[in-house]
Protein backbone atom coordinates (compact mmCIF):
# COMPACT_ATOMS: atom_id res chain seq x y z
CA MET A 1 45.50 -36.71 -23.21
CA GLY A 2 45.40 -40.14 -24.87
CA LYS A 3 47.85 -42.97 -24.45
CA LYS A 4 47.81 -46.38 -26.08
CA LYS A 5 49.38 -49.11 -23.99
CA GLY A 6 53.15 -49.01 -24.44
CA LYS A 7 52.91 -46.07 -26.84
CA GLN A 8 54.00 -42.44 -26.75
CA PRO A 9 51.39 -40.11 -25.16
CA TYR A 10 49.35 -37.96 -27.53
CA ARG A 11 46.60 -35.35 -27.39
CA LYS A 12 43.30 -35.82 -29.17
CA ALA A 13 42.63 -34.05 -32.44
CA PRO A 14 40.20 -31.10 -32.37
CA GLY A 15 36.63 -31.89 -33.39
CA LEU A 16 36.84 -30.12 -36.74
CA VAL A 17 36.57 -31.57 -40.25
CA PRO A 18 36.84 -29.56 -43.51
CA LYS A 19 33.35 -28.95 -44.88
CA GLY A 20 34.16 -30.64 -48.19
CA LEU A 21 34.73 -33.97 -46.43
CA LEU A 22 31.55 -34.05 -44.36
CA ASP A 23 29.58 -35.75 -47.14
CA LYS A 24 32.39 -38.08 -48.22
CA LYS A 25 31.21 -41.71 -48.25
CA ALA A 26 32.98 -45.06 -48.27
CA GLU A 27 31.56 -48.19 -49.90
CA CYS A 28 32.07 -51.66 -48.53
CA PRO A 29 33.62 -53.85 -51.28
CA ASP A 30 31.71 -56.92 -50.01
CA CYS A 31 28.12 -55.75 -49.51
CA ASN A 32 28.21 -52.32 -51.23
CA THR A 33 26.91 -50.54 -48.15
CA THR A 34 27.81 -46.84 -48.23
CA PHE A 35 28.56 -45.01 -44.99
CA ASP A 36 30.13 -41.86 -43.57
CA ILE A 37 33.86 -42.02 -42.98
CA PRO A 38 34.65 -41.54 -39.27
CA TRP A 39 37.39 -39.00 -39.90
CA LEU A 40 38.25 -38.30 -36.27
CA GLU A 41 37.84 -41.78 -34.81
CA GLU A 42 41.00 -42.78 -32.94
CA LEU A 43 42.87 -45.58 -34.66
CA ASP A 44 44.81 -48.31 -32.89
CA HIS A 45 48.06 -47.05 -34.40
CA PRO A 46 49.14 -43.68 -35.83
CA LEU A 47 49.39 -43.38 -39.62
CA GLN A 48 52.96 -42.09 -39.77
CA PRO A 49 55.60 -41.86 -42.50
CA ILE A 50 58.39 -44.38 -42.01
CA ALA A 51 61.92 -43.19 -42.72
CA VAL A 52 64.02 -45.31 -45.08
CA ARG A 53 67.76 -44.76 -44.84
CA ASN A 54 68.91 -42.48 -47.68
CA GLU A 55 65.65 -43.07 -49.55
CA GLY A 56 63.08 -40.73 -48.00
CA HIS A 57 59.93 -42.15 -46.41
CA PHE A 58 57.23 -44.73 -46.88
CA VAL A 59 53.90 -42.92 -46.44
CA PRO A 60 50.36 -44.15 -45.64
CA VAL A 61 48.39 -44.98 -48.79
CA SER A 62 45.23 -46.29 -47.11
CA PHE A 63 43.45 -46.45 -43.78
CA PRO A 64 41.35 -49.17 -42.11
CA LEU A 65 37.54 -49.15 -42.14
CA ARG A 66 34.88 -51.55 -40.94
CA CYS A 67 31.51 -51.94 -42.63
CA PRO A 68 28.71 -50.84 -40.26
CA ASN A 69 26.27 -53.35 -41.80
CA PHE A 70 25.67 -55.82 -38.96
CA ASP A 71 25.29 -58.72 -41.40
CA CYS A 72 28.60 -57.90 -43.08
CA ASN A 73 31.02 -56.32 -40.58
CA ASN A 74 33.80 -56.55 -43.17
CA SER A 75 37.17 -54.91 -42.44
CA PHE A 76 38.96 -53.36 -45.42
CA ASN A 77 41.48 -50.70 -46.37
CA TYR A 78 40.29 -47.49 -48.01
CA THR A 79 42.70 -45.96 -50.53
CA ILE A 80 44.00 -42.43 -49.94
CA PRO A 81 44.32 -40.18 -53.03
CA ASN A 82 47.94 -39.67 -54.03
CA LEU A 83 48.40 -36.10 -55.25
CA GLU A 84 51.52 -35.00 -57.09
CA ASN A 85 54.08 -33.28 -54.89
CA LEU A 86 55.73 -30.51 -56.90
CA SER A 87 57.90 -29.16 -54.09
CA PRO A 88 58.19 -28.98 -50.30
CA TRP A 89 57.64 -25.63 -48.57
CA ALA A 90 59.01 -24.72 -45.17
CA LEU A 91 56.47 -22.92 -42.98
CA TYR A 92 57.81 -20.88 -40.07
CA GLY A 93 55.46 -20.35 -37.13
CA ASP A 94 55.11 -18.02 -34.18
CA GLU A 95 52.27 -16.98 -31.89
CA ALA A 96 50.70 -14.04 -30.07
CA SER A 97 47.98 -13.69 -27.43
CA ARG A 98 45.94 -11.03 -25.67
CA ASP A 99 44.15 -11.11 -22.32
CA ILE A 100 41.31 -8.63 -22.84
CA GLN A 101 39.82 -7.78 -19.45
CA ASN A 102 37.68 -4.81 -20.49
CA PRO A 103 36.16 -5.25 -23.95
CA LYS A 104 33.73 -2.61 -25.16
CA ALA A 105 30.40 -2.93 -23.37
CA ASN A 106 28.28 -3.36 -26.49
CA TYR A 107 30.37 -6.42 -27.45
CA THR A 108 30.56 -8.39 -24.20
CA THR A 109 30.99 -7.86 -20.47
CA LYS A 110 33.11 -11.01 -20.19
CA ARG A 111 36.88 -11.30 -20.00
CA LEU A 112 38.31 -12.59 -23.29
CA HIS A 113 41.45 -14.39 -24.40
CA PHE A 114 42.63 -14.10 -27.99
CA PHE A 115 45.33 -16.40 -29.34
CA CYS A 116 46.78 -16.82 -32.81
CA ILE A 117 49.51 -18.67 -34.68
CA THR A 118 50.96 -17.45 -37.97
CA LEU A 119 52.77 -19.64 -40.50
CA VAL A 120 54.99 -17.96 -43.09
CA GLY A 121 56.42 -19.47 -46.27
CA LEU A 122 58.57 -17.85 -48.95
CA HIS A 123 59.34 -19.04 -52.48
CA LYS A 124 63.03 -19.82 -52.90
CA ASP A 125 63.30 -17.52 -55.96
CA ARG A 126 62.62 -14.52 -53.71
CA ALA A 127 64.48 -15.67 -50.61
CA GLU A 128 67.68 -13.61 -50.98
CA LYS A 129 65.92 -10.40 -52.06
CA PHE A 130 63.37 -10.58 -49.25
CA LEU A 131 66.05 -11.27 -46.63
CA SER A 132 68.07 -8.29 -47.87
CA ASP A 133 65.06 -5.97 -47.72
CA PHE A 134 64.05 -7.22 -44.27
CA GLU A 135 67.56 -6.73 -42.92
CA ASP A 136 67.54 -3.17 -44.29
CA LEU A 137 64.47 -2.53 -42.14
CA LYS A 138 66.12 -4.11 -39.10
CA ARG A 139 69.00 -1.66 -39.55
CA GLU A 140 66.51 1.19 -39.10
CA ALA A 141 65.61 -0.24 -35.70
CA ARG A 142 69.22 -0.86 -34.61
CA PRO A 143 71.65 0.94 -36.95
CA ASP A 144 74.71 0.03 -34.89
CA VAL A 145 74.11 -3.75 -34.81
CA ASP A 146 74.43 -6.30 -37.61
CA PRO A 147 70.83 -7.44 -38.36
CA LYS A 148 71.97 -11.06 -38.30
CA GLU A 149 73.15 -10.64 -34.71
CA TRP A 150 69.81 -9.89 -33.03
CA ALA A 151 66.32 -11.38 -32.98
CA HIS A 152 63.49 -9.13 -34.14
CA HIS A 153 60.62 -9.43 -31.64
CA PHE A 154 58.06 -6.72 -32.28
CA THR A 155 56.61 -6.98 -28.76
CA LYS A 156 59.97 -5.90 -27.38
CA ILE A 157 60.28 -3.06 -29.90
CA TRP A 158 56.77 -1.78 -29.20
CA SER A 159 57.11 -1.90 -25.42
CA ALA A 160 60.54 -0.21 -25.31
CA GLY A 161 60.40 3.12 -23.48
CA ALA A 162 61.51 6.49 -24.81
CA ASP A 163 64.71 6.26 -22.76
CA ASP A 164 65.53 2.77 -24.04
CA LYS A 165 68.72 3.02 -26.08
CA GLU A 166 68.44 -0.43 -27.68
CA TYR A 167 66.25 0.82 -30.53
CA SER A 168 66.40 4.01 -32.56
CA PHE A 169 62.74 4.97 -32.08
CA SER A 170 62.01 7.87 -29.76
CA SER A 171 58.23 8.02 -30.19
CA LYS A 172 55.18 5.85 -30.72
CA ALA A 173 54.65 7.48 -34.12
CA GLN A 174 58.07 6.26 -35.26
CA LYS A 175 57.24 2.71 -34.17
CA ILE A 176 53.94 2.85 -36.05
CA ASP A 177 55.75 4.05 -39.16
CA TYR A 178 58.25 1.21 -38.78
CA ALA A 179 55.45 -1.37 -38.43
CA LYS A 180 53.81 -0.03 -41.58
CA LYS A 181 57.09 -0.45 -43.47
CA ILE A 182 57.27 -4.12 -42.49
CA ALA A 183 53.62 -4.58 -43.47
CA SER A 184 54.37 -2.92 -46.82
CA LEU A 185 57.33 -5.25 -47.43
CA ILE A 186 55.05 -8.26 -46.87
CA ARG A 187 52.33 -6.81 -49.11
CA LYS A 188 54.76 -6.05 -51.96
CA ASN A 189 55.99 -9.65 -51.93
CA ARG A 190 52.57 -11.31 -51.93
CA TYR A 191 53.28 -13.24 -55.14
CA HIS A 192 56.18 -14.93 -53.35
CA ILE A 193 55.34 -14.93 -49.64
CA VAL A 194 52.38 -16.66 -48.01
CA THR A 195 51.05 -16.04 -44.51
CA LEU A 196 48.48 -18.24 -42.81
CA ASN A 197 46.98 -17.01 -39.55
CA PHE A 198 44.89 -19.19 -37.22
CA SER A 199 43.07 -17.52 -34.35
CA SER A 200 40.58 -18.12 -31.58
CA CYS A 201 38.79 -15.99 -29.02
CA ILE A 202 37.37 -17.56 -25.88
CA VAL A 203 35.39 -16.28 -22.91
CA LEU A 204 37.38 -16.77 -19.71
CA PRO A 205 35.80 -18.05 -16.48
CA GLU A 206 36.45 -16.30 -13.18
CA ASN A 207 38.20 -19.30 -11.61
CA GLU A 208 41.95 -19.05 -12.26
CA LYS A 209 42.48 -22.80 -12.52
CA GLU A 210 39.69 -23.11 -15.09
CA ARG A 211 41.08 -20.12 -17.00
CA LYS A 212 44.48 -21.77 -17.38
CA LYS A 213 42.84 -25.02 -18.44
CA LEU A 214 40.82 -23.30 -21.18
CA ILE A 215 43.81 -21.31 -22.44
CA ARG A 216 45.84 -24.53 -22.70
CA ARG A 217 43.04 -26.11 -24.70
CA GLN A 218 42.79 -23.03 -26.91
CA LYS A 219 46.51 -23.08 -27.72
CA GLN A 220 46.59 -26.79 -28.43
CA GLU A 221 43.55 -26.69 -30.71
CA ILE A 222 44.88 -23.73 -32.69
CA PHE A 223 48.23 -25.46 -33.07
CA GLN A 224 46.51 -28.58 -34.43
CA GLN A 225 44.27 -26.49 -36.69
CA SER A 226 47.33 -24.71 -38.09
CA ILE A 227 48.84 -28.06 -39.06
CA ILE A 228 45.62 -29.50 -40.53
CA SER A 229 44.64 -26.40 -42.50
CA SER A 230 48.12 -25.66 -43.84
CA VAL A 231 48.36 -29.23 -45.12
CA LEU A 232 44.95 -28.83 -46.77
CA GLN A 233 45.78 -25.50 -48.42
CA PHE A 234 49.16 -26.63 -49.74
CA ARG A 235 48.18 -30.13 -50.87
CA LEU A 236 45.31 -28.63 -52.88
CA ARG A 237 48.12 -26.88 -54.79
CA GLN A 238 50.16 -30.09 -55.03
CA VAL A 239 52.79 -28.83 -52.60
CA SER A 240 53.90 -30.46 -49.36
CA THR A 241 54.85 -28.71 -46.13
CA TYR A 242 57.09 -29.00 -43.13
CA TRP A 243 57.00 -26.78 -40.06
CA ILE A 244 59.52 -24.87 -37.96
CA PHE A 245 58.27 -23.20 -34.77
CA ASP A 246 59.75 -20.99 -32.08
CA ASN A 247 60.32 -23.19 -29.02
CA VAL A 248 59.06 -20.77 -26.39
CA LYS A 249 58.00 -21.45 -22.81
CA ASP A 250 54.23 -21.87 -22.63
CA THR A 251 52.92 -19.46 -20.00
CA SER A 252 49.77 -21.54 -19.49
CA SER A 253 51.64 -24.73 -18.57
CA GLY A 254 55.23 -23.76 -17.75
CA GLU A 255 56.66 -26.30 -20.21
CA LYS A 256 58.35 -25.79 -23.54
CA THR A 257 55.95 -25.69 -26.49
CA GLU A 258 57.81 -28.57 -28.13
CA GLY A 259 56.59 -31.07 -25.52
CA TRP A 260 52.84 -30.69 -25.83
CA ALA A 261 53.02 -29.74 -29.53
CA GLU A 262 54.60 -33.06 -30.46
CA GLU A 263 51.83 -34.83 -28.56
CA CYS A 264 49.25 -32.75 -30.45
CA PHE A 265 50.84 -33.66 -33.78
CA LEU A 266 50.86 -37.35 -32.89
CA GLY A 267 47.18 -37.06 -31.97
CA LEU A 268 46.46 -35.93 -35.54
CA GLN A 269 48.27 -38.99 -36.90
CA TYR A 270 45.86 -41.22 -34.98
CA THR A 271 43.06 -40.01 -37.29
CA ARG A 272 42.05 -40.90 -40.83
CA LEU A 273 41.59 -37.20 -41.55
CA PHE A 274 45.27 -36.29 -41.38
CA ALA A 275 46.33 -39.20 -43.58
CA TRP A 276 43.72 -38.19 -46.16
CA LEU A 277 44.79 -34.55 -46.19
CA THR A 278 48.49 -35.34 -46.65
CA ALA A 279 47.48 -37.24 -49.81
CA GLY A 280 50.66 -39.24 -50.26
CA ALA A 281 53.09 -36.53 -49.12
CA THR A 282 55.50 -36.95 -46.23
CA ALA A 283 54.38 -35.01 -43.15
CA THR A 284 56.92 -35.28 -40.34
CA LYS A 285 56.56 -33.76 -36.90
CA PRO A 286 57.40 -30.03 -36.59
CA THR A 287 60.87 -28.83 -35.67
CA PHE A 288 61.30 -26.44 -32.73
CA VAL A 289 64.16 -23.96 -32.72
CA ARG A 290 65.53 -21.06 -30.71
CA PRO A 291 63.13 -18.06 -30.89
CA GLY A 292 64.01 -15.61 -33.67
CA SER A 293 66.69 -17.89 -35.15
CA HIS A 294 65.35 -17.43 -38.72
CA HIS A 295 64.10 -14.24 -40.35
CA LEU A 296 60.80 -15.87 -41.36
CA LEU A 297 60.18 -16.66 -37.69
CA GLU A 298 60.63 -12.93 -37.13
CA VAL A 299 58.09 -12.22 -39.87
CA ALA A 300 55.66 -14.72 -38.31
CA ASP A 301 56.17 -12.96 -34.97
CA PHE A 302 55.30 -9.63 -36.57
CA VAL A 303 52.19 -10.91 -38.37
CA SER A 304 50.88 -12.56 -35.20
CA TYR A 305 51.51 -9.36 -33.26
CA CYS A 306 49.60 -7.31 -35.85
CA VAL A 307 46.62 -9.65 -35.89
CA ALA A 308 46.44 -9.90 -32.09
CA ARG A 309 46.69 -6.12 -31.70
CA ASP A 310 44.13 -5.68 -34.48
CA PHE A 311 41.67 -7.78 -32.49
CA GLU A 312 42.51 -6.25 -29.12
CA ARG A 313 42.17 -2.66 -30.32
CA THR A 314 38.88 -3.36 -32.10
CA ALA A 315 37.45 -5.33 -29.16
CA THR A 316 38.22 -2.46 -26.77
CA GLY A 317 36.76 0.22 -29.03
CA HIS A 318 40.02 1.64 -30.41
CA LYS A 319 41.32 2.04 -33.93
CA PRO A 320 44.28 -0.25 -34.79
CA GLU A 321 47.44 1.76 -35.52
CA PHE A 322 48.72 -0.73 -38.13
CA PRO A 323 45.80 -3.01 -39.07
CA SER A 324 46.44 -6.44 -40.55
CA LYS A 325 44.92 -5.37 -43.89
CA LEU A 326 48.12 -3.38 -44.57
CA MET A 327 49.90 -6.70 -45.18
CA GLY A 328 47.71 -7.54 -48.16
CA ASN A 329 46.00 -10.81 -48.97
CA GLY A 330 46.61 -13.71 -46.60
CA PHE A 331 44.89 -16.82 -45.28
CA TYR A 332 42.87 -16.40 -42.08
CA GLN A 333 41.03 -18.94 -39.96
CA GLY A 334 39.14 -18.02 -36.83
CA ALA A 335 36.87 -19.58 -34.22
CA TRP A 336 34.78 -18.17 -31.39
CA ASN A 337 34.71 -20.12 -28.12
CA PHE A 338 35.67 -23.51 -29.62
CA GLY A 339 32.84 -23.31 -32.12
CA HIS A 340 32.65 -23.38 -35.91
CA SER A 341 35.86 -22.36 -37.67
CA TRP A 342 35.66 -19.83 -40.50
CA TYR A 343 38.47 -19.66 -43.02
CA GLY A 344 39.45 -18.04 -46.30
CA TRP A 345 41.80 -15.62 -48.04
CA SER A 346 41.33 -11.93 -47.32
CA LYS A 347 43.08 -8.59 -46.86
CA GLY A 348 43.42 -8.65 -43.10
CA LEU A 349 41.58 -10.52 -40.35
CA PRO A 350 37.84 -10.58 -41.27
CA MET A 351 36.80 -9.19 -37.88
CA MET A 352 33.08 -8.97 -38.56
CA LYS A 353 32.69 -12.36 -40.23
CA TYR A 354 34.78 -14.31 -37.72
CA TYR A 355 34.12 -12.41 -34.48
CA ASN A 356 31.17 -10.07 -35.14
CA LEU A 357 33.43 -7.09 -34.44
CA SER A 358 33.58 -3.74 -36.19
């Protein structure tokens, strides 16, 4: 964790830069020396939007650089591109994880931990129709309860026993059919709904203390990657984003997600990379709300569950009952053991490309 004197604590940004920026050069205005931009170098102060009462925000339009030419050593400000902002999109996020103690022998003999975060956005023109259709599905699960009165957590639905009277499903087959209906609803709305899933699989050490430490790092890096990559994907389309996450208790640290997540977000703002990617749009820290308090948080919960189960079933040599491909085309980003991050749009998690799994 970093901490500038007298400043709020923050957590360092992950060591990842979009491939398209690796060859980006800056030129010193005094001596014309060209040099690589240190995208992840920690700045003295975060590049944050500044709220103006009743008038929005002032946003960073440049960042400081110093010429590496020893004879020059000039300090100057490098201008950030200012892309048009057609509209702001709300992205709702939730997570899922799997502790895989017995993966199939021909894959690895090591204990694995898979973690993912899903962000979900929905165009306002489809908001009412999608909500109505989703609530119709919730009524299938609990016909006697108003769908607005209960939070849809698929983990709870899936793990409910046959004698559990909370849900209407009496068999595993019925739950699978229900999951496929939700996946179909997402797929049929793909022109209006966007899902972005960010995942990581790590090899766990035998020492419990070290395991918890690595899982904390995994969660924090995937959270930061979800922010960076969603900004990149949406700003390329001249759209800005803001984030709403479930504020759940982090099992790896015992604290609420909001605490360390805000420090992770601030860590991004200490880099030139994040200011460049926002490209003149306002990017304020994520909001954390009561779990399941919005239907798109419930959708994010379902997508994360599907992707995590997809990986777990494949890694243990079983066929997924409702694979992520049933949800249609979405954005997926994945990394193995804190290494290179693959990303792209595909129908389901690209298991072979990202994790060498089939």
